[in-house]
C-alpha atoms as a PDB file:
ATOM      1  CA  MET A   1      36.235-124.628  -5.380  1.00  0.00           C
ATOM      2  CA  ARG A   2      39.057-122.124  -5.707  1.00  0.00           C
ATOM      3  CA  ARG A   3      36.718-119.704  -7.257  1.00  0.00           C
ATOM      4  CA  VAL A   4      34.353-120.009  -4.344  1.00  0.00           C
ATOM      5  CA  ILE A   5      37.091-119.576  -1.718  1.00  0.00           C
ATOM      6  CA  ALA A   6      38.462-116.471  -3.617  1.00  0.00           C
ATOM      7  CA  ASN A   7      34.948-115.000  -3.431  1.00  0.00           C
ATOM      8  CA  PRO A   8      34.841-111.746  -0.835  1.00  0.00           C
ATOM      9  CA  ASP A   9      31.647-112.717   0.554  1.00  0.00           C
ATOM     10  CA  PHE A  10      32.541-116.333   1.294  1.00  0.00           C
ATOM     11  CA  ARG A  11      35.559-114.865   3.186  1.00  0.00           C
ATOM     12  CA  ALA A  12      33.756-112.284   5.072  1.00  0.00           C
ATOM     13  CA  GLY A  13      31.363-114.978   6.203  1.00  0.00           C
ATOM     14  CA  PHE A  14      33.976-117.216   7.222  1.00  0.00           C
ATOM     15  CA  VAL A  15      35.639-114.741   9.087  1.00  0.00           C
ATOM     16  CA  ASP A  16      32.229-113.519  10.970  1.00  0.00           C
ATOM     17  CA  MET A  17      31.900-116.822  12.071  1.00  0.00           C
ATOM     18  CA  LEU A  18      34.926-117.636  13.725  1.00  0.00           C
ATOM     19  CA  PRO A  19      34.013-116.447  17.127  1.00  0.00           C
ATOM     20  CA  ALA A  20      30.969-118.751  17.222  1.00  0.00           C
ATOM     21  CA  ALA A  21      33.122-121.351  15.968  1.00  0.00           C
ATOM     22  CA  LEU A  22      35.517-120.838  18.635  1.00  0.00           C
ATOM     23  CA  ALA A  23      32.890-120.661  21.348  1.00  0.00           C
ATOM     24  CA  LEU A  24      31.570-124.232  20.211  1.00  0.00           C
ATOM     25  CA  MET A  25      34.974-125.818  20.824  1.00  0.00           C
ATOM     26  CA  PRO A  26      34.085-127.197  24.149  1.00  0.00           C
ATOM     27  CA  PHE A  27      31.095-128.451  22.945  1.00  0.00           C
ATOM     28  CA  GLY A  28      32.624-130.221  19.946  1.00  0.00           C
ATOM     29  CA  LEU A  29      35.280-131.948  22.463  1.00  0.00           C
ATOM     30  CA  VAL A  30      32.435-133.470  24.369  1.00  0.00           C
ATOM     31  CA  CYS A  31      31.098-134.612  21.483  1.00  0.00           C
ATOM     32  CA  GLY A  32      34.437-136.323  20.606  1.00  0.00           C
ATOM     33  CA  VAL A  33      34.544-137.639  23.897  1.00  0.00           C
ATOM     34  CA  GLY A  34      31.268-138.837  23.974  1.00  0.00           C
ATOM     35  CA  ALA A  35      31.468-140.861  20.958  1.00  0.00           C
ATOM     36  CA  ALA A  36      34.843-142.177  22.374  1.00  0.00           C
ATOM     37  CA  ALA A  37      33.273-143.316  25.315  1.00  0.00           C
ATOM     38  CA  ALA A  38      30.461-144.817  23.666  1.00  0.00           C
ATOM     39  CA  GLY A  39      32.602-147.311  22.128  1.00  0.00           C
ATOM     40  CA  ALA A  40      32.444-145.684  18.386  1.00  0.00           C
ATOM     41  CA  SER A  41      35.389-146.215  16.027  1.00  0.00           C
ATOM     42  CA  LEU A  42      37.409-143.011  14.736  1.00  0.00           C
ATOM     43  CA  ALA A  43      35.661-143.456  11.327  1.00  0.00           C
ATOM     44  CA  GLY A  44      32.331-143.592  12.752  1.00  0.00           C
ATOM     45  CA  ALA A  45      32.902-140.854  14.981  1.00  0.00           C
ATOM     46  CA  ILE A  46      34.192-138.499  12.139  1.00  0.00           C
ATOM     47  CA  GLY A  47      31.270-139.838   9.907  1.00  0.00           C
ATOM     48  CA  LEU A  48      28.985-138.707  12.867  1.00  0.00           C
ATOM     49  CA  SER A  49      30.381-135.152  13.139  1.00  0.00           C
ATOM     50  CA  ALA A  50      30.844-134.552   9.200  1.00  0.00           C
ATOM     51  CA  ILE A  51      27.517-135.947   8.217  1.00  0.00           C
ATOM     52  CA  VAL A  52      25.031-135.394  10.744  1.00  0.00           C
ATOM     53  CA  PHE A  53      26.696-132.114  11.910  1.00  0.00           C
ATOM     54  CA  SER A  54      24.541-131.413  15.040  1.00  0.00           C
ATOM     55  CA  GLY A  55      25.708-131.260  18.584  1.00  0.00           C
ATOM     56  CA  ALA A  56      22.476-132.307  20.095  1.00  0.00           C
ATOM     57  CA  ALA A  57      22.082-135.400  17.925  1.00  0.00           C
ATOM     58  CA  GLN A  58      25.558-136.347  18.426  1.00  0.00           C
ATOM     59  CA  ILE A  59      25.322-136.160  22.195  1.00  0.00           C
ATOM     60  CA  LEU A  60      21.866-138.023  21.979  1.00  0.00           C
ATOM     61  CA  SER A  61      23.224-140.584  19.664  1.00  0.00           C
ATOM     62  CA  ALA A  62      26.249-141.345  21.833  1.00  0.00           C
ATOM     63  CA  GLN A  63      24.006-141.570  25.022  1.00  0.00           C
ATOM     64  CA  LEU A  64      21.669-144.323  23.414  1.00  0.00           C
ATOM     65  CA  LEU A  65      24.552-145.985  21.563  1.00  0.00           C
ATOM     66  CA  ALA A  66      26.031-146.507  24.971  1.00  0.00           C
ATOM     67  CA  ALA A  67      22.902-147.690  26.360  1.00  0.00           C
ATOM     68  CA  GLY A  68      22.596-150.348  23.625  1.00  0.00           C
ATOM     69  CA  ALA A  69      19.463-148.726  21.820  1.00  0.00           C
ATOM     70  CA  PRO A  70      18.363-150.010  18.557  1.00  0.00           C
ATOM     71  CA  VAL A  71      19.558-147.687  15.267  1.00  0.00           C
ATOM     72  CA  ALA A  72      15.889-147.217  14.615  1.00  0.00           C
ATOM     73  CA  VAL A  73      15.391-145.776  17.914  1.00  0.00           C
ATOM     74  CA  ILE A  74      18.666-143.597  17.679  1.00  0.00           C
ATOM     75  CA  VAL A  75      17.555-142.371  14.308  1.00  0.00           C
ATOM     76  CA  LEU A  76      14.004-141.176  15.292  1.00  0.00           C
ATOM     77  CA  THR A  77      15.119-139.773  18.627  1.00  0.00           C
ATOM     78  CA  CYS A  78      17.702-137.605  16.709  1.00  0.00           C
ATOM     79  CA  PHE A  79      14.975-136.591  14.269  1.00  0.00           C
ATOM     80  CA  VAL A  80      12.745-135.364  16.991  1.00  0.00           C
ATOM     81  CA  ALA A  81      15.559-133.457  18.575  1.00  0.00           C
ATOM     82  CA  GLY A  82      15.982-131.834  15.002  1.00  0.00           C
ATOM     83  CA  LEU A  83      12.533-130.725  14.192  1.00  0.00           C
ATOM     84  CA  ARG A  84      13.455-127.043  14.933  1.00  0.00           C
ATOM     85  CA  PHE A  85      15.190-127.008  11.850  1.00  0.00           C
ATOM     86  CA  LEU A  86      11.642-127.305  10.031  1.00  0.00           C
ATOM     87  CA  ILE A  87      11.069-123.940  11.029  1.00  0.00           C
ATOM     88  CA  TYR A  88      14.425-122.467  10.110  1.00  0.00           C
ATOM     89  CA  SER A  89      14.061-123.994   6.752  1.00  0.00           C
ATOM     90  CA  ALA A  90      10.612-122.518   6.274  1.00  0.00           C
ATOM     91  CA  ALA A  91      11.835-119.414   7.340  1.00  0.00           C
ATOM     92  CA  ILE A  92      15.159-119.073   5.055  1.00  0.00           C
ATOM     93  CA  ALA A  93      13.386-121.142   2.102  1.00  0.00           C
ATOM     94  CA  PRO A  94      12.417-117.504   0.481  1.00  0.00           C
ATOM     95  CA  TYR A  95      15.644-115.901   0.432  1.00  0.00           C
ATOM     96  CA  LEU A  96      17.320-119.215  -0.830  1.00  0.00           C
ATOM     97  CA  ARG A  97      14.741-119.415  -3.837  1.00  0.00           C
ATOM     98  CA  PRO A  98      16.849-117.432  -6.441  1.00  0.00           C
ATOM     99  CA  LEU A  99      19.779-119.722  -5.907  1.00  0.00           C
ATOM    100  CA  PRO A 100      20.524-122.574  -8.241  1.00  0.00           C
ATOM    101  CA  PRO A 101      19.322-126.031  -6.669  1.00  0.00           C
ATOM    102  CA  ARG A 102      22.694-127.069  -5.964  1.00  0.00           C
ATOM    103  CA  TRP A 103      23.393-124.028  -3.789  1.00  0.00           C
ATOM    104  CA  GLN A 104      20.101-124.318  -1.972  1.00  0.00           C
ATOM    105  CA  LYS A 105      21.157-128.003  -1.071  1.00  0.00           C
ATOM    106  CA  THR A 106      24.412-127.198  -0.100  1.00  0.00           C
ATOM    107  CA  LEU A 107      23.545-124.391   2.100  1.00  0.00           C
ATOM    108  CA  ALA A 108      20.546-126.267   3.539  1.00  0.00           C
ATOM    109  CA  PHE A 109      23.093-129.109   4.873  1.00  0.00           C
ATOM    110  CA  LEU A 110      25.113-126.403   6.693  1.00  0.00           C
ATOM    111  CA  LEU A 111      22.100-124.682   8.326  1.00  0.00           C
ATOM    112  CA  THR A 112      22.758-124.662  12.143  1.00  0.00           C
ATOM    113  CA  ASP A 113      21.574-121.987  14.780  1.00  0.00           C
ATOM    114  CA  GLN A 114      24.515-119.759  14.568  1.00  0.00           C
ATOM    115  CA  VAL A 115      24.303-119.850  10.866  1.00  0.00           C
ATOM    116  CA  PHE A 116      20.832-119.494  10.363  1.00  0.00           C
ATOM    117  CA  ALA A 117      20.955-115.997  12.408  1.00  0.00           C
ATOM    118  CA  ALA A 118      23.773-114.911  10.414  1.00  0.00           C
ATOM    119  CA  GLY A 119      22.463-115.804   6.973  1.00  0.00           C
ATOM    120  CA  VAL A 120      18.908-114.070   7.631  1.00  0.00           C
ATOM    121  CA  ARG A 121      20.770-111.003   8.722  1.00  0.00           C
ATOM    122  CA  ARG A 122      22.846-110.787   5.627  1.00  0.00           C
ATOM    123  CA  PHE A 123      19.976-111.519   3.195  1.00  0.00           C
ATOM    124  CA  ASP A 124      17.789-108.986   4.832  1.00  0.00           C
ATOM    125  CA  ALA A 125      20.701-106.366   4.283  1.00  0.00           C
ATOM    126  CA  GLY A 126      19.836-106.486   0.974  1.00  0.00           C
ATOM    127  CA  GLY A 127      21.970-106.685  -2.350  1.00  0.00           C
ATOM    128  CA  ASP A 128      22.710-109.859  -4.596  1.00  0.00           C
ATOM    129  CA  ALA A 129      21.313-112.743  -3.404  1.00  0.00           C
ATOM    130  CA  ARG A 130      24.356-114.843  -4.856  1.00  0.00           C
ATOM    131  CA  ALA A 131      26.448-112.647  -2.645  1.00  0.00           C
ATOM    132  CA  ALA A 132      24.252-113.432   0.514  1.00  0.00           C
ATOM    133  CA  GLY A 133      24.679-117.093  -0.387  1.00  0.00           C
ATOM    134  CA  ALA A 134      28.411-117.049  -0.612  1.00  0.00           C
ATOM    135  CA  HIS A 135      28.334-115.318   2.883  1.00  0.00           C
ATOM    136  CA  PHE A 136      25.995-117.926   4.099  1.00  0.00           C
ATOM    137  CA  LEU A 137      28.365-120.611   2.378  1.00  0.00           C
ATOM    138  CA  GLY A 138      31.241-119.175   4.128  1.00  0.00           C
ATOM    139  CA  SER A 139      29.598-119.057   7.647  1.00  0.00           C
ATOM    140  CA  GLY A 140      28.561-122.507   7.394  1.00  0.00           C
ATOM    141  CA  PHE A 141      31.951-123.917   6.192  1.00  0.00           C
ATOM    142  CA  ALA A 142      33.865-122.289   9.143  1.00  0.00           C
ATOM    143  CA  LEU A 143      31.577-123.720  11.644  1.00  0.00           C
ATOM    144  CA  TRP A 144      31.566-127.161  10.013  1.00  0.00           C
ATOM    145  CA  LEU A 145      35.508-127.134   9.791  1.00  0.00           C
ATOM    146  CA  PHE A 146      35.952-126.215  13.272  1.00  0.00           C
ATOM    147  CA  TRP A 147      33.461-128.744  14.602  1.00  0.00           C
ATOM    148  CA  GLN A 148      35.258-131.484  12.848  1.00  0.00           C
ATOM    149  CA  PHE A 149      38.640-130.402  14.163  1.00  0.00           C
ATOM    150  CA  THR A 150      37.202-130.399  18.051  1.00  0.00           C
ATOM    151  CA  ASN A 151      35.289-133.559  17.586  1.00  0.00           C
ATOM    152  CA  VAL A 152      38.516-135.480  16.302  1.00  0.00           C
ATOM    153  CA  ALA A 153      40.448-133.939  19.185  1.00  0.00           C
ATOM    154  CA  GLY A 154      37.961-134.750  21.880  1.00  0.00           C
ATOM    155  CA  TYR A 155      37.804-138.397  20.346  1.00  0.00           C
ATOM    156  CA  PHE A 156      41.298-138.827  20.812  1.00  0.00           C
ATOM    157  CA  ALA A 157      41.330-137.189  24.079  1.00  0.00           C
ATOM    158  CA  GLY A 158      38.661-139.721  25.262  1.00  0.00           C
ATOM    159  CA  ASN A 159      40.415-142.715  24.152  1.00  0.00           C
ATOM    160  CA  LEU A 160      43.802-141.275  26.127  1.00  0.00           C
ATOM    161  CA  ILE A 161      42.126-140.653  29.286  1.00  0.00           C
ATOM    162  CA  PRO A 162      41.984-143.555  31.501  1.00  0.00           C
ATOM    163  CA  PRO A 163      38.691-145.090  31.986  1.00  0.00           C
ATOM    164  CA  ALA A 164      39.088-144.862  35.666  1.00  0.00           C
ATOM    165  CA  TRP A 165      38.133-140.978  35.167  1.00  0.00           C
ATOM    166  CA  SER A 166      34.734-142.001  34.042  1.00  0.00           C
ATOM    167  CA  LEU A 167      34.381-139.301  31.425  1.00  0.00           C
ATOM    168  CA  ASP A 168      30.957-140.693  30.491  1.00  0.00           C
ATOM    169  CA  PHE A 169      29.266-138.087  32.842  1.00  0.00           C
ATOM    170  CA  ALA A 170      30.525-135.248  30.385  1.00  0.00           C
ATOM    171  CA  VAL A 171      27.871-136.215  27.616  1.00  0.00           C
ATOM    172  CA  PRO A 172      24.564-136.060  29.782  1.00  0.00           C
ATOM    173  CA  LEU A 173      26.321-133.050  31.736  1.00  0.00           C
ATOM    174  CA  CYS A 174      26.486-131.074  28.523  1.00  0.00           C
ATOM    175  CA  PHE A 175      23.163-132.071  27.202  1.00  0.00           C
ATOM    176  CA  ILE A 176      21.509-130.693  30.580  1.00  0.00           C
ATOM    177  CA  ALA A 177      23.623-127.602  29.874  1.00  0.00           C
ATOM    178  CA  LEU A 178      22.260-127.286  26.465  1.00  0.00           C
ATOM    179  CA  VAL A 179      18.511-127.674  27.274  1.00  0.00           C
ATOM    180  CA  ALA A 180      18.514-125.876  30.827  1.00  0.00           C
ATOM    181  CA  PRO A 181      18.497-122.518  29.536  1.00  0.00           C
ATOM    182  CA  HIS A 182      14.975-123.323  27.879  1.00  0.00           C
ATOM    183  CA  PHE A 183      13.198-124.085  30.977  1.00  0.00           C
ATOM    184  CA  ARG A 184      12.025-120.450  31.441  1.00  0.00           C
ATOM    185  CA  SER A 185       8.434-120.714  31.348  1.00  0.00           C
ATOM    186  CA  SER A 186       5.804-123.330  32.636  1.00  0.00           C
ATOM    187  CA  PRO A 187       5.041-125.129  29.371  1.00  0.00           C
ATOM    188  CA  THR A 188       8.516-125.775  28.991  1.00  0.00           C
ATOM    189  CA  ILE A 189       8.861-126.672  32.641  1.00  0.00           C
ATOM    190  CA  ILE A 190       5.931-129.057  32.197  1.00  0.00           C
ATOM    191  CA  ALA A 191       7.144-130.837  29.075  1.00  0.00           C
ATOM    192  CA  ALA A 192      10.411-131.475  30.831  1.00  0.00           C
ATOM    193  CA  LEU A 193       8.816-132.817  33.890  1.00  0.00           C
ATOM    194  CA  VAL A 194       6.346-135.123  32.051  1.00  0.00           C
ATOM    195  CA  ALA A 195       9.091-136.346  29.792  1.00  0.00           C
ATOM    196  CA  GLY A 196      11.381-137.132  32.892  1.00  0.00           C
ATOM    197  CA  VAL A 197       8.502-139.109  34.714  1.00  0.00           C
ATOM    198  CA  GLY A 198       7.627-140.863  31.496  1.00  0.00           C
ATOM    199  CA  VAL A 199      11.161-142.141  30.790  1.00  0.00           C
ATOM    200  CA  LEU A 200      11.052-143.490  34.258  1.00  0.00           C
ATOM    201  CA  ALA A 201       7.633-144.910  34.425  1.00  0.00           C
ATOM    202  CA  LEU A 202       8.102-146.735  31.148  1.00  0.00           C
ATOM    203  CA  ALA A 203      11.593-147.944  31.693  1.00  0.00           C
ATOM    204  CA  ALA A 204      10.332-151.586  31.034  1.00  0.00           C
ATOM    205  CA  LEU A 205       9.629-151.067  27.552  1.00  0.00           C
ATOM    206  CA  PRO A 206      11.588-152.808  24.891  1.00  0.00           C
ATOM    207  CA  MET A 207      14.447-151.112  22.801  1.00  0.00           C
ATOM    208  CA  LYS A 208      14.533-147.857  24.853  1.00  0.00           C
ATOM    209  CA  LEU A 209      11.274-147.013  23.618  1.00  0.00           C
ATOM    210  CA  ASN A 210      10.417-145.147  26.639  1.00  0.00           C
ATOM    211  CA  LEU A 211      12.735-142.447  25.395  1.00  0.00           C
ATOM    212  CA  ILE A 212      10.234-141.808  22.260  1.00  0.00           C
ATOM    213  CA  VAL A 213       7.371-142.612  23.975  1.00  0.00           C
ATOM    214  CA  ALA A 214       8.316-140.011  27.020  1.00  0.00           C
ATOM    215  CA  GLY A 215       9.564-137.402  24.349  1.00  0.00           C
ATOM    216  CA  VAL A 216       6.278-137.313  22.580  1.00  0.00           C
ATOM    217  CA  ALA A 217       4.361-137.151  25.878  1.00  0.00           C
ATOM    218  CA  GLY A 218       6.568-134.308  26.954  1.00  0.00           C
ATOM    219  CA  ILE A 219       5.887-132.449  23.824  1.00  0.00           C
ATOM    220  CA  LEU A 220       2.267-133.036  23.861  1.00  0.00           C
ATOM    221  CA  ALA A 221       1.957-131.735  27.516  1.00  0.00           C
ATOM    222  CA  GLY A 222       3.986-128.591  26.634  1.00  0.00           C
ATOM    223  CA  THR A 223       1.824-127.929  23.555  1.00  0.00           C
ATOM    224  CA  LEU A 224      -1.513-128.119  25.545  1.00  0.00           C
ATOM    225  CA  ALA A 225       0.213-125.990  28.278  1.00  0.00           C
ATOM    226  CA  ASP A 226       1.024-123.458  25.947  1.00  0.00           C
ATOM    227  CA  PHE A 227      -2.092-123.298  24.420  1.00  0.00           C
ATOM    228  CA  ALA A 228      -4.009-122.817  27.848  1.00  0.00           C
ATOM    229  CA  LYS A 229      -1.629-120.283  28.871  1.00  0.00           C
ATOM    230  CA  GLU A 230      -2.396-118.046  25.944  1.00  0.00           C
ATOM    231  CA  ARG A 231      -6.141-118.652  26.230  1.00  0.00           C
ATOM    232  CA  TRP A 232      -6.110-117.669  29.821  1.00  0.00           C
ATOM    233  CA  THR A 233      -3.606-115.008  29.893  1.00  0.00           C
ATOM    234  CA  PRO A 234      -5.110-111.579  29.878  1.00  0.00           C
ATOM    235  CA  HIS A 235      -4.594-109.512  26.540  1.00  0.00           C
END
């Protein structure tokens, strides 16, 4: 580990990711507050941030946990929310192929939106694949480390703030802020409307299954709308 930290490419990746890590601090604080509001223990909150390492999944799981949803529903919902990483993985896999399997697995765990963008840019710059991999590792570790600090700080803040302040609203508000910028085209708007209507219409389903069914319906509606848009748009 000492040799890895001493690697100049690792250090360069760590430093390059610091601005993004600092920008994510408010989001990490909200995730910690959400875990506290959902009644999670400190060990559970730390485990969620350290192992799952996904703001969207943590926000969703906190909301579902607070609503009393079954574990299977929480896991499936977070899985659907993270499907974009299949695309990231497929895109970055050719770059990681020259690296040893243990490196590939470690870098796959640290893959996030910001690290993906920085990693692809570094690999495209050419040079030694191991050097680019060390840069990737430094970037991912910087983001992961700051994420843990902010989540823990948010958890303690959430437990110190009086319940009368009702900070539970911060979790759905943060998630709305996360997805709202994507509503820029008719397919995404249609997907959101179908999913929203579906959640309300299917509220009587047991085990919060309305969330899963509505989410799948929204994805299908958005996909069909996207196909229709491509077909009828003049080229």
